Amino acid sequence: MDTLSRLIDLARPQGSLDLRCLLAGGFDINHAPMEAGVAPFHLVLDGACVVETANGARVPLRAGDFMLFPRGAAHRVRDTELAGEPAPMALSHDGMLPLRRNQASDETGGEAQPRHDLDLLCGRFVYAPGSSALLMNALPDPLHVSLGDVQTLGSLQTVIALMRAEAEHRQPGALAIVTALSHALFAMALRVHGGQNPATSGVLALLADARLGASVQGMLNEPERPWTIAELGDLAAMSRATYARHFNERAGVTVMDFLTQIRMTIACDLLRRTQRSAAEIGETVGYQSEAAFGKAFAQSIGLTPGRYRRQQPEADSNEG
């Protein structure tokens, strides 16, 4: 499994579609903050809009743009003129999703013919606490990715068309398919973001660097190994000092701090999904005693391993 796929697997984001918006003229839709572990997203299928973030920034979106709020920040979706009088909203259903429309008026005061300046798909990813931190906490808030180039748009349209078809027909397995396709959309956005923003820091910046990415892959594959900076530098084909310097510059943290983050991310995943003891999990991620693992876990996550496990849904602990 490649590194990005492994990080997404650990975060376990569960995608769902909430509604579709077909809007014309003036509109101003407020989105309140979401609870922890919920990341709302918007995907512009057609037209354009402006998203105002909680800090007042105005981000224009056009067809093919994807915007994710990893930490559920409040925001507004507005028309591009930012001056039109918002038309009344109506909520119906298009056979698959709730459908939000507004009605613009023609010059005579009558109801205008149905049209839209924006076709917007809205949804959310619900992700696991703890095991999601390595990936989700590294993302900008909001994460804005333009998926509208010719090569990507065809793949994107295929993904969305399949999501809509499966949700509409509701055949056996539809939920699993829609969830899997939501993961594909999420992965596509992260891949494009890494390519469009090579100067950013964090785990995506590490993955964009072929040599540093090889060392991250090594940490993920063998978290139990007592890694040294020199050994990880060998994986990156760099000297110890050069590797440590470049890693810190790209990751924003030291090599050993990042290794701890990987170990805690994997430990959280195992605590959620399995019934293994804390001592066994600690050994799996590189700690020789349960006490050492418990101390490191509490310092990183803010909870003991046992308390963390008790706070997770029982249905998640389904593996031996």
C-alpha atoms as a PDB file:
ATOM      1  CA  MET A   1       0.000   0.000   0.000  1.00  0.00           C
ATOM      2  CA  ASP A   2       1.408   3.401  -0.956  1.00  0.00           C
ATOM      3  CA  THR A   3       1.932   5.967   1.775  1.00  0.00           C
ATOM      4  CA  LEU A   4      -0.998   8.274   0.963  1.00  0.00           C
ATOM      5  CA  SER A   5      -3.361   5.315   0.759  1.00  0.00           C
ATOM      6  CA  ARG A   6      -2.104   4.085   4.129  1.00  0.00           C
ATOM      7  CA  LEU A   7      -2.643   7.492   5.758  1.00  0.00           C
ATOM      8  CA  ILE A   8      -6.163   7.707   4.362  1.00  0.00           C
ATOM      9  CA  ASP A   9      -6.845   4.182   5.584  1.00  0.00           C
ATOM     10  CA  LEU A  10      -5.706   5.142   9.086  1.00  0.00           C
ATOM     11  CA  ALA A  11      -7.868   8.290   9.087  1.00  0.00           C
ATOM     12  CA  ARG A  12     -10.857   6.202   7.947  1.00  0.00           C
ATOM     13  CA  PRO A  13     -12.930   9.119   6.603  1.00  0.00           C
ATOM     14  CA  GLN A  14     -16.535   8.067   6.018  1.00  0.00           C
ATOM     15  CA  GLY A  15     -17.993  10.154   3.220  1.00  0.00           C
ATOM     16  CA  SER A  16     -21.620  11.060   2.707  1.00  0.00           C
ATOM     17  CA  LEU A  17     -23.563  13.374   0.430  1.00  0.00           C
ATOM     18  CA  ASP A  18     -25.851  15.862   2.185  1.00  0.00           C
ATOM     19  CA  LEU A  19     -27.564  17.858  -0.532  1.00  0.00           C
ATOM     20  CA  ARG A  20     -27.321  19.447  -3.942  1.00  0.00           C
ATOM     21  CA  CYS A  21     -27.724  23.193  -4.450  1.00  0.00           C
ATOM     22  CA  LEU A  22     -29.039  24.722  -7.686  1.00  0.00           C
ATOM     23  CA  LEU A  23     -28.834  28.472  -7.123  1.00  0.00           C
ATOM     24  CA  ALA A  24     -29.326  31.572  -9.237  1.00  0.00           C
ATOM     25  CA  GLY A  25     -29.016  35.314  -8.699  1.00  0.00           C
ATOM     26  CA  GLY A  26     -28.207  36.395  -5.168  1.00  0.00           C
ATOM     27  CA  PHE A  27     -27.621  33.818  -2.444  1.00  0.00           C
ATOM     28  CA  ASP A  28     -25.880  33.777   0.910  1.00  0.00           C
ATOM     29  CA  ILE A  29     -25.846  30.472   2.788  1.00  0.00           C
ATOM     30  CA  ASN A  30     -24.338  30.267   6.251  1.00  0.00           C
ATOM     31  CA  HIS A  31     -22.660  27.062   7.448  1.00  0.00           C
ATOM     32  CA  ALA A  32     -22.239  26.824  11.214  1.00  0.00           C
ATOM     33  CA  PRO A  33     -19.171  25.154  12.766  1.00  0.00           C
ATOM     34  CA  MET A  34     -19.294  21.362  12.823  1.00  0.00           C
ATOM     35  CA  GLU A  35     -18.492  19.125  15.757  1.00  0.00           C
ATOM     36  CA  ALA A  36     -15.031  17.612  16.076  1.00  0.00           C
ATOM     37  CA  GLY A  37     -14.365  14.839  13.584  1.00  0.00           C
ATOM     38  CA  VAL A  38     -16.711  16.187  10.893  1.00  0.00           C
ATOM     39  CA  ALA A  39     -15.225  17.804   7.783  1.00  0.00           C
ATOM     40  CA  PRO A  40     -17.791  19.365   5.423  1.00  0.00           C
ATOM     41  CA  PHE A  41     -16.942  19.715   1.753  1.00  0.00           C
ATOM     42  CA  HIS A  42     -18.279  21.439  -1.357  1.00  0.00           C
ATOM     43  CA  LEU A  43     -17.758  20.376  -4.948  1.00  0.00           C
ATOM     44  CA  VAL A  44     -18.714  22.790  -7.751  1.00  0.00           C
ATOM     45  CA  LEU A  45     -20.250  20.791 -10.576  1.00  0.00           C
ATOM     46  CA  ASP A  46     -21.096  23.846 -12.671  1.00  0.00           C
ATOM     47  CA  GLY A  47     -21.045  27.627 -12.396  1.00  0.00           C
ATOM     48  CA  ALA A  48     -19.240  29.658  -9.756  1.00  0.00           C
ATOM     49  CA  CYS A  49     -19.541  31.009  -6.219  1.00  0.00           C
ATOM     50  CA  VAL A  50     -17.503  32.630  -3.461  1.00  0.00           C
ATOM     51  CA  VAL A  51     -16.792  31.003  -0.107  1.00  0.00           C
ATOM     52  CA  GLU A  52     -16.174  33.338   2.823  1.00  0.00           C
ATOM     53  CA  THR A  53     -14.136  31.714   5.587  1.00  0.00           C
ATOM     54  CA  ALA A  54     -14.359  32.442   9.300  1.00  0.00           C
ATOM     55  CA  ASN A  55     -11.367  34.806   9.107  1.00  0.00           C
ATOM     56  CA  GLY A  56     -12.998  36.888   6.378  1.00  0.00           C
ATOM     57  CA  ALA A  57     -11.103  35.525   3.371  1.00  0.00           C
ATOM     58  CA  ARG A  58     -13.086  35.273   0.133  1.00  0.00           C
ATOM     59  CA  VAL A  59     -12.209  32.311  -2.049  1.00  0.00           C
ATOM     60  CA  PRO A  60     -13.731  32.106  -5.562  1.00  0.00           C
ATOM     61  CA  LEU A  61     -14.770  28.620  -6.677  1.00  0.00           C
ATOM     62  CA  ARG A  62     -15.535  27.492 -10.217  1.00  0.00           C
ATOM     63  CA  ALA A  63     -16.530  24.239 -11.910  1.00  0.00           C
ATOM     64  CA  GLY A  64     -14.299  21.421 -10.732  1.00  0.00           C
ATOM     65  CA  ASP A  65     -13.220  23.127  -7.507  1.00  0.00           C
ATOM     66  CA  PHE A  66     -13.279  21.127  -4.285  1.00  0.00           C
ATOM     67  CA  MET A  67     -13.183  22.748  -0.849  1.00  0.00           C
ATOM     68  CA  LEU A  68     -12.855  20.802   2.393  1.00  0.00           C
ATOM     69  CA  PHE A  69     -12.945  22.146   5.950  1.00  0.00           C
ATOM     70  CA  PRO A  70     -10.907  19.489   7.834  1.00  0.00           C
ATOM     71  CA  ARG A  71     -11.703  20.937  11.244  1.00  0.00           C
ATOM     72  CA  GLY A  72     -15.297  21.890  10.496  1.00  0.00           C
ATOM     73  CA  ALA A  73     -14.828  25.666  10.440  1.00  0.00           C
ATOM     74  CA  ALA A  74     -17.779  27.994   9.908  1.00  0.00           C
ATOM     75  CA  HIS A  75     -18.136  29.519   6.440  1.00  0.00           C
ATOM     76  CA  ARG A  76     -20.578  31.076   3.968  1.00  0.00           C
ATOM     77  CA  VAL A  77     -21.365  30.253   0.344  1.00  0.00           C
ATOM     78  CA  ARG A  78     -22.263  33.389  -1.625  1.00  0.00           C
ATOM     79  CA  ASP A  79     -22.934  34.493  -5.179  1.00  0.00           C
ATOM     80  CA  THR A  80     -20.014  35.912  -7.106  1.00  0.00           C
ATOM     81  CA  GLU A  81     -21.410  39.475  -7.151  1.00  0.00           C
ATOM     82  CA  LEU A  82     -21.572  39.565  -3.334  1.00  0.00           C
ATOM     83  CA  ALA A  83     -24.179  42.262  -3.654  1.00  0.00           C
ATOM     84  CA  GLY A  84     -27.337  40.578  -4.867  1.00  0.00           C
ATOM     85  CA  GLU A  85     -30.392  40.373  -2.633  1.00  0.00           C
ATOM     86  CA  PRO A  86     -30.677  36.726  -1.555  1.00  0.00           C
ATOM     87  CA  ALA A  87     -33.739  35.065  -3.061  1.00  0.00           C
ATOM     88  CA  PRO A  88     -35.969  32.826  -0.907  1.00  0.00           C
ATOM     89  CA  MET A  89     -34.780  29.250  -0.575  1.00  0.00           C
ATOM     90  CA  ALA A  90     -36.870  26.149  -1.117  1.00  0.00           C
ATOM     91  CA  LEU A  91     -35.962  22.574  -0.207  1.00  0.00           C
ATOM     92  CA  SER A  92     -37.232  19.629  -2.224  1.00  0.00           C
ATOM     93  CA  HIS A  93     -35.804  16.303  -3.378  1.00  0.00           C
ATOM     94  CA  ASP A  94     -34.323  15.282  -6.716  1.00  0.00           C
ATOM     95  CA  GLY A  95     -34.874  11.553  -6.218  1.00  0.00           C
ATOM     96  CA  MET A  96     -31.430  11.069  -4.701  1.00  0.00           C
ATOM     97  CA  LEU A  97     -30.589  13.996  -2.456  1.00  0.00           C
ATOM     98  CA  PRO A  98     -32.317  16.925  -0.799  1.00  0.00           C
ATOM     99  CA  LEU A  99     -32.291  19.749  -3.342  1.00  0.00           C
ATOM    100  CA  ARG A 100     -31.928  23.388  -2.337  1.00  0.00           C
ATOM    101  CA  ARG A 101     -33.070  26.010  -4.857  1.00  0.00           C
ATOM    102  CA  ASN A 102     -33.733  29.700  -4.817  1.00  0.00           C
ATOM    103  CA  GLN A 103     -36.136  31.476  -7.133  1.00  0.00           C
ATOM    104  CA  ALA A 104     -34.985  34.597  -8.978  1.00  0.00           C
ATOM    105  CA  SER A 105     -37.609  36.971 -10.383  1.00  0.00           C
ATOM    106  CA  ASP A 106     -37.782  38.276 -13.920  1.00  0.00           C
ATOM    107  CA  GLU A 107     -37.955  41.987 -14.773  1.00  0.00           C
ATOM    108  CA  THR A 108     -41.781  42.018 -14.678  1.00  0.00           C
ATOM    109  CA  GLY A 109     -41.861  40.719 -11.156  1.00  0.00           C
ATOM    110  CA  GLY A 110     -42.974  37.225 -12.112  1.00  0.00           C
ATOM    111  CA  GLU A 111     -41.129  34.037 -11.395  1.00  0.00           C
ATOM    112  CA  ALA A 112     -38.196  33.510 -13.702  1.00  0.00           C
ATOM    113  CA  GLN A 113     -37.748  30.401 -15.771  1.00  0.00           C
ATOM    114  CA  PRO A 114     -35.756  27.737 -13.874  1.00  0.00           C
ATOM    115  CA  ARG A 115     -32.031  28.297 -14.306  1.00  0.00           C
ATOM    116  CA  HIS A 116     -28.952  28.174 -12.168  1.00  0.00           C
ATOM    117  CA  ASP A 117     -25.676  30.000 -11.805  1.00  0.00           C
ATOM    118  CA  LEU A 118     -24.321  27.368  -9.425  1.00  0.00           C
ATOM    119  CA  ASP A 119     -24.627  23.605  -9.239  1.00  0.00           C
ATOM    120  CA  LEU A 120     -23.031  22.623  -5.937  1.00  0.00           C
ATOM    121  CA  LEU A 121     -22.693  19.230  -4.313  1.00  0.00           C
ATOM    122  CA  CYS A 122     -22.341  19.356  -0.511  1.00  0.00           C
ATOM    123  CA  GLY A 123     -21.277  16.565   1.789  1.00  0.00           C
ATOM    124  CA  ARG A 124     -19.083  15.632   4.703  1.00  0.00           C
ATOM    125  CA  PHE A 125     -16.387  13.272   5.856  1.00  0.00           C
ATOM    126  CA  VAL A 126     -16.645  11.889   9.368  1.00  0.00           C
ATOM    127  CA  TYR A 127     -13.248  10.698  10.518  1.00  0.00           C
ATOM    128  CA  ALA A 128     -11.814   8.836  13.470  1.00  0.00           C
ATOM    129  CA  PRO A 129     -10.159  10.853  16.246  1.00  0.00           C
ATOM    130  CA  GLY A 130      -6.564  10.019  17.049  1.00  0.00           C
ATOM    131  CA  SER A 131      -5.810   7.854  14.038  1.00  0.00           C
ATOM    132  CA  SER A 132      -6.766  10.735  11.723  1.00  0.00           C
ATOM    133  CA  ALA A 133      -4.455  13.309  13.290  1.00  0.00           C
ATOM    134  CA  LEU A 134      -1.368  12.650  11.184  1.00  0.00           C
ATOM    135  CA  LEU A 135      -3.256  13.386   7.976  1.00  0.00           C
ATOM    136  CA  MET A 136      -6.180  15.650   8.883  1.00  0.00           C
ATOM    137  CA  ASN A 137      -4.270  17.977  11.209  1.00  0.00           C
ATOM    138  CA  ALA A 138      -1.684  18.549   8.487  1.00  0.00           C
ATOM    139  CA  LEU A 139      -4.257  19.846   5.993  1.00  0.00           C
ATOM    140  CA  PRO A 140      -4.884  23.558   5.533  1.00  0.00           C
ATOM    141  CA  ASP A 141      -8.291  24.742   6.707  1.00  0.00           C
ATOM    142  CA  PRO A 142      -9.851  25.148   4.264  1.00  0.00           C
ATOM    143  CA  LEU A 143      -8.280  22.810   1.741  1.00  0.00           C
ATOM    144  CA  HIS A 144      -9.032  24.257  -1.704  1.00  0.00           C
ATOM    145  CA  VAL A 145      -8.126  22.216  -4.752  1.00  0.00           C
ATOM    146  CA  SER A 146      -8.913  22.959  -8.379  1.00  0.00           C
ATOM    147  CA  LEU A 147      -9.868  19.724 -10.093  1.00  0.00           C
ATOM    148  CA  GLY A 148     -11.084  21.434 -13.252  1.00  0.00           C
ATOM    149  CA  ASP A 149      -8.190  20.766 -15.601  1.00  0.00           C
ATOM    150  CA  VAL A 150      -8.969  18.619 -18.632  1.00  0.00           C
ATOM    151  CA  GLN A 151      -7.198  15.469 -17.463  1.00  0.00           C
ATOM    152  CA  THR A 152      -8.661  15.451 -13.968  1.00  0.00           C
ATOM    153  CA  LEU A 153     -12.161  16.685 -14.798  1.00  0.00           C
ATOM    154  CA  GLY A 154     -13.049  13.580 -16.794  1.00  0.00           C
ATOM    155  CA  SER A 155     -12.111  11.302 -13.890  1.00  0.00           C
ATOM    156  CA  LEU A 156     -13.899  13.574 -11.451  1.00  0.00           C
ATOM    157  CA  GLN A 157     -17.095  13.622 -13.485  1.00  0.00           C
ATOM    158  CA  THR A 158     -17.006   9.842 -13.673  1.00  0.00           C
ATOM    159  CA  VAL A 159     -16.663   9.577  -9.889  1.00  0.00           C
ATOM    160  CA  ILE A 160     -19.538  11.999  -9.260  1.00  0.00           C
ATOM    161  CA  ALA A 161     -21.783  10.355 -11.848  1.00  0.00           C
ATOM    162  CA  LEU A 162     -21.233   6.976 -10.198  1.00  0.00           C
ATOM    163  CA  MET A 163     -21.887   8.427  -6.735  1.00  0.00           C
ATOM    164  CA  ARG A 164     -25.170   9.916  -7.897  1.00  0.00           C
ATOM    165  CA  ALA A 165     -26.277   6.802  -9.789  1.00  0.00           C
ATOM    166  CA  GLU A 166     -25.596   4.470  -6.860  1.00  0.00           C
ATOM    167  CA  ALA A 167     -27.317   6.746  -4.356  1.00  0.00           C
ATOM    168  CA  GLU A 168     -30.348   7.175  -6.636  1.00  0.00           C
ATOM    169  CA  HIS A 169     -30.901   3.495  -7.465  1.00  0.00           C
ATOM    170  CA  ARG A 170     -30.151   2.269  -3.924  1.00  0.00           C
ATOM    171  CA  GLN A 171     -29.299  -1.255  -5.017  1.00  0.00           C
ATOM    172  CA  PRO A 172     -27.603  -3.702  -2.613  1.00  0.00           C
ATOM    173  CA  GLY A 173     -24.139  -2.433  -1.712  1.00  0.00           C
ATOM    174  CA  ALA A 174     -24.915   1.148  -2.779  1.00  0.00           C
ATOM    175  CA  LEU A 175     -23.777   2.653   0.521  1.00  0.00           C
ATOM    176  CA  ALA A 176     -20.442   0.849   0.387  1.00  0.00           C
ATOM    177  CA  ILE A 177     -19.920   1.974  -3.202  1.00  0.00           C
ATOM    178  CA  VAL A 178     -20.776   5.615  -2.488  1.00  0.00           C
ATOM    179  CA  THR A 179     -18.463   5.586   0.519  1.00  0.00           C
ATOM    180  CA  ALA A 180     -15.646   4.121  -1.562  1.00  0.00           C
ATOM    181  CA  LEU A 181     -16.198   6.732  -4.279  1.00  0.00           C
ATOM    182  CA  SER A 182     -16.139   9.498  -1.672  1.00  0.00           C
ATOM    183  CA  HIS A 183     -12.758   8.165  -0.592  1.00  0.00           C
ATOM    184  CA  ALA A 184     -11.643   8.330  -4.230  1.00  0.00           C
ATOM    185  CA  LEU A 185     -12.709  11.984  -4.417  1.00  0.00           C
ATOM    186  CA  PHE A 186     -10.845  12.725  -1.188  1.00  0.00           C
ATOM    187  CA  ALA A 187      -7.690  10.955  -2.358  1.00  0.00           C
ATOM    188  CA  MET A 188      -7.831  12.720  -5.717  1.00  0.00           C
ATOM    189  CA  ALA A 189      -8.026  16.099  -3.984  1.00  0.00           C
ATOM    190  CA  LEU A 190      -5.072  15.304  -1.705  1.00  0.00           C
ATOM    191  CA  ARG A 191      -2.990  14.096  -4.646  1.00  0.00           C
ATOM    192  CA  VAL A 192      -3.691  17.249  -6.655  1.00  0.00           C
ATOM    193  CA  HIS A 193      -3.076  19.476  -3.619  1.00  0.00           C
ATOM    194  CA  GLY A 194       0.348  17.949  -3.112  1.00  0.00           C
ATOM    195  CA  GLY A 195       1.222  18.571  -6.725  1.00  0.00           C
ATOM    196  CA  GLN A 196      -0.096  22.134  -6.783  1.00  0.00           C
ATOM    197  CA  ASN A 197       1.515  23.191  -3.487  1.00  0.00           C
ATOM    198  CA  PRO A 198       5.055  21.795  -3.405  1.00  0.00           C
ATOM    199  CA  ALA A 199       6.225  24.504  -0.983  1.00  0.00           C
ATOM    200  CA  THR A 200       3.847  23.532   1.834  1.00  0.00           C
ATOM    201  CA  SER A 201       4.991  21.686   4.938  1.00  0.00           C
ATOM    202  CA  GLY A 202       3.610  18.626   6.672  1.00  0.00           C
ATOM    203  CA  VAL A 203       3.026  15.025   5.729  1.00  0.00           C
ATOM    204  CA  LEU A 204       1.834  15.829   2.183  1.00  0.00           C
ATOM    205  CA  ALA A 205       5.023  17.806   1.578  1.00  0.00           C
ATOM    206  CA  LEU A 206       7.037  14.795   2.700  1.00  0.00           C
ATOM    207  CA  LEU A 207       5.171  12.532   0.313  1.00  0.00           C
ATOM    208  CA  ALA A 208       5.774  14.950  -2.557  1.00  0.00           C
ATOM    209  CA  ASP A 209       9.531  14.551  -1.979  1.00  0.00           C
ATOM    210  CA  ALA A 210      10.495  11.149  -3.398  1.00  0.00           C
ATOM    211  CA  ARG A 211      13.508  10.633  -1.139  1.00  0.00           C
ATOM    212  CA  LEU A 212      11.910  11.812   2.094  1.00  0.00           C
ATOM    213  CA  GLY A 213       8.749   9.932   1.198  1.00  0.00           C
ATOM    214  CA  ALA A 214      10.713   6.691   1.128  1.00  0.00           C
ATOM    215  CA  SER A 215      11.679   7.174   4.776  1.00  0.00           C
ATOM    216  CA  VAL A 216       8.048   7.893   5.741  1.00  0.00           C
ATOM    217  CA  GLN A 217       7.049   4.676   4.007  1.00  0.00           C
ATOM    218  CA  GLY A 218       9.666   2.855   6.058  1.00  0.00           C
ATOM    219  CA  MET A 219       8.291   4.261   9.327  1.00  0.00           C
ATOM    220  CA  LEU A 220       4.741   3.253   8.395  1.00  0.00           C
ATOM    221  CA  ASN A 221       5.762  -0.234   7.313  1.00  0.00           C
ATOM    222  CA  GLU A 222       7.867  -0.950  10.404  1.00  0.00           C
ATOM    223  CA  PRO A 223       6.769   1.277  13.298  1.00  0.00           C
ATOM    224  CA  GLU A 224       8.149  -1.254  15.783  1.00  0.00           C
ATOM    225  CA  ARG A 225      11.688  -0.901  14.483  1.00  0.00           C
ATOM    226  CA  PRO A 226      14.083   1.157  16.669  1.00  0.00           C
ATOM    227  CA  TRP A 227      14.800   3.573  13.858  1.00  0.00           C
ATOM    228  CA  THR A 228      17.789   5.870  13.955  1.00  0.00           C
ATOM    229  CA  ILE A 229      18.129   9.055  11.926  1.00  0.00           C
ATOM    230  CA  ALA A 230      21.079   7.496  10.121  1.00  0.00           C
ATOM    231  CA  GLU A 231      18.998   4.461   9.050  1.00  0.00           C
ATOM    232  CA  LEU A 232      16.157   6.661   7.825  1.00  0.00           C
ATOM    233  CA  GLY A 233      18.683   8.849   6.045  1.00  0.00           C
ATOM    234  CA  ASP A 234      19.933   5.754   4.217  1.00  0.00           C
ATOM    235  CA  LEU A 235      16.397   5.136   2.924  1.00  0.00           C
ATOM    236  CA  ALA A 236      16.380   8.709   1.631  1.00  0.00           C
ATOM    237  CA  ALA A 237      19.883   8.356   0.161  1.00  0.00           C
ATOM    238  CA  MET A 238      21.125  11.243   2.324  1.00  0.00           C
ATOM    239  CA  SER A 239      23.671  11.697   5.067  1.00  0.00           C
ATOM    240  CA  ARG A 240      22.351  11.796   8.607  1.00  0.00           C
ATOM    241  CA  ALA A 241      22.767  15.583   8.948  1.00  0.00           C
ATOM    242  CA  THR A 242      21.386  16.400   5.502  1.00  0.00           C
ATOM    243  CA  TYR A 243      18.384  14.124   6.023  1.00  0.00           C
ATOM    244  CA  ALA A 244      17.547  15.571   9.432  1.00  0.00           C
ATOM    245  CA  ARG A 245      17.759  19.126   8.095  1.00  0.00           C
ATOM    246  CA  HIS A 246      15.669  18.492   4.997  1.00  0.00           C
ATOM    247  CA  PHE A 247      13.100  16.471   6.934  1.00  0.00           C
ATOM    248  CA  ASN A 248      12.633  19.225   9.516  1.00  0.00           C
ATOM    249  CA  GLU A 249      12.243  21.823   6.772  1.00  0.00           C
ATOM    250  CA  ARG A 250       9.572  19.830   4.946  1.00  0.00           C
ATOM    251  CA  ALA A 251       7.726  18.332   7.897  1.00  0.00           C
ATOM    252  CA  GLY A 252       7.901  21.224  10.343  1.00  0.00           C
ATOM    253  CA  VAL A 253       8.866  18.772  13.113  1.00  0.00           C
ATOM    254  CA  THR A 254      11.913  16.661  13.901  1.00  0.00           C
ATOM    255  CA  VAL A 255      12.327  13.154  12.527  1.00  0.00           C
ATOM    256  CA  MET A 256      11.797  11.518  15.920  1.00  0.00           C
ATOM    257  CA  ASP A 257       8.731  13.615  16.712  1.00  0.00           C
ATOM    258  CA  PHE A 258       7.243  12.590  13.381  1.00  0.00           C
ATOM    259  CA  LEU A 259       8.032   8.934  14.084  1.00  0.00           C
ATOM    260  CA  THR A 260       6.174   9.256  17.380  1.00  0.00           C
ATOM    261  CA  GLN A 261       3.179  10.711  15.530  1.00  0.00           C
ATOM    262  CA  ILE A 262       3.159   7.735  13.176  1.00  0.00           C
ATOM    263  CA  ARG A 263       3.364   5.286  16.073  1.00  0.00           C
ATOM    264  CA  MET A 264       0.516   6.967  17.939  1.00  0.00           C
ATOM    265  CA  THR A 265      -1.619   7.112  14.799  1.00  0.00           C
ATOM    266  CA  ILE A 266      -1.208   3.377  14.259  1.00  0.00           C
ATOM    267  CA  ALA A 267      -1.794   2.684  17.962  1.00  0.00           C
ATOM    268  CA  CYS A 268      -5.081   4.636  17.872  1.00  0.00           C
ATOM    269  CA  ASP A 269      -6.190   2.639  14.851  1.00  0.00           C
ATOM    270  CA  LEU A 270      -5.408  -0.664  16.573  1.00  0.00           C
ATOM    271  CA  LEU A 271      -7.156   0.412  19.770  1.00  0.00           C
ATOM    272  CA  ARG A 272     -10.259   1.266  17.755  1.00  0.00           C
ATOM    273  CA  ARG A 273     -10.347  -1.756  15.477  1.00  0.00           C
ATOM    274  CA  THR A 274      -8.981  -4.623  17.551  1.00  0.00           C
ATOM    275  CA  GLN A 275      -9.212  -6.218  20.967  1.00  0.00           C
ATOM    276  CA  ARG A 276      -5.443  -6.468  21.394  1.00  0.00           C
ATOM    277  CA  SER A 277      -4.067  -5.500  24.774  1.00  0.00           C
ATOM    278  CA  ALA A 278      -2.350  -2.169  25.288  1.00  0.00           C
ATOM    279  CA  ALA A 279       0.906  -4.006  25.943  1.00  0.00           C
ATOM    280  CA  GLU A 280       0.655  -5.876  22.620  1.00  0.00           C
ATOM    281  CA  ILE A 281      -0.212  -2.713  20.713  1.00  0.00           C
ATOM    282  CA  GLY A 282       2.634  -0.866  22.378  1.00  0.00           C
ATOM    283  CA  GLU A 283       5.054  -3.567  21.273  1.00  0.00           C
ATOM    284  CA  THR A 284       3.625  -3.425  17.739  1.00  0.00           C
ATOM    285  CA  VAL A 285       4.481   0.265  17.499  1.00  0.00           C
ATOM    286  CA  GLY A 286       7.932   0.069  19.073  1.00  0.00           C
ATOM    287  CA  TYR A 287       7.577   0.262  22.881  1.00  0.00           C
ATOM    288  CA  GLN A 288       9.186  -2.394  25.030  1.00  0.00           C
ATOM    289  CA  SER A 289       6.850  -1.977  28.010  1.00  0.00           C
ATOM    290  CA  GLU A 290       3.194  -1.137  28.539  1.00  0.00           C
ATOM    291  CA  ALA A 291       4.201   1.658  30.928  1.00  0.00           C
ATOM    292  CA  ALA A 292       6.423   3.347  28.337  1.00  0.00           C
ATOM    293  CA  PHE A 293       3.698   3.063  25.711  1.00  0.00           C
ATOM    294  CA  GLY A 294       1.019   4.392  28.053  1.00  0.00           C
ATOM    295  CA  LYS A 295       3.128   7.410  28.982  1.00  0.00           C
ATOM    296  CA  ALA A 296       3.934   8.248  25.363  1.00  0.00           C
ATOM    297  CA  PHE A 297       0.304   7.734  24.316  1.00  0.00           C
ATOM    298  CA  ALA A 298      -1.049   9.996  27.061  1.00  0.00           C
ATOM    299  CA  GLN A 299       1.469  12.727  26.216  1.00  0.00           C
ATOM    300  CA  SER A 300       0.523  12.593  22.536  1.00  0.00           C
ATOM    301  CA  ILE A 301      -3.238  11.947  22.621  1.00  0.00           C
ATOM    302  CA  GLY A 302      -4.170  13.361  26.015  1.00  0.00           C
ATOM    303  CA  LEU A 303      -5.821  10.122  27.175  1.00  0.00           C
ATOM    304  CA  THR A 304      -4.609   6.769  28.434  1.00  0.00           C
ATOM    305  CA  PRO A 305      -4.924   3.920  25.905  1.00  0.00           C
ATOM    306  CA  GLY A 306      -7.717   2.348  27.945  1.00  0.00           C
ATOM    307  CA  ARG A 307      -9.747   5.536  28.147  1.00  0.00           C
ATOM    308  CA  TYR A 308      -9.243   6.227  24.464  1.00  0.00           C
ATOM    309  CA  ARG A 309     -10.557   2.747  23.608  1.00  0.00           C
ATOM    310  CA  ARG A 310     -13.600   3.128  25.865  1.00  0.00           C
ATOM    311  CA  GLN A 311     -14.568   6.362  24.128  1.00  0.00           C
ATOM    312  CA  GLN A 312     -14.701   4.726  20.699  1.00  0.00           C
ATOM    313  CA  PRO A 313     -17.829   3.055  19.287  1.00  0.00           C
ATOM    314  CA  GLU A 314     -17.924  -0.620  20.142  1.00  0.00           C
ATOM    315  CA  ALA A 315     -18.621  -1.537  16.525  1.00  0.00           C
ATOM    316  CA  ASP A 316     -15.145  -0.357  15.577  1.00  0.00           C
ATOM    317  CA  SER A 317     -13.416  -2.991  17.725  1.00  0.00           C
ATOM    318  CA  ASN A 318     -14.103  -5.932  15.426  1.00  0.00           C
ATOM    319  CA  GLU A 319     -10.759  -7.577  14.841  1.00  0.00           C
ATOM    320  CA  GLY A 320      -8.688  -9.857  17.009  1.00  0.00           C
END
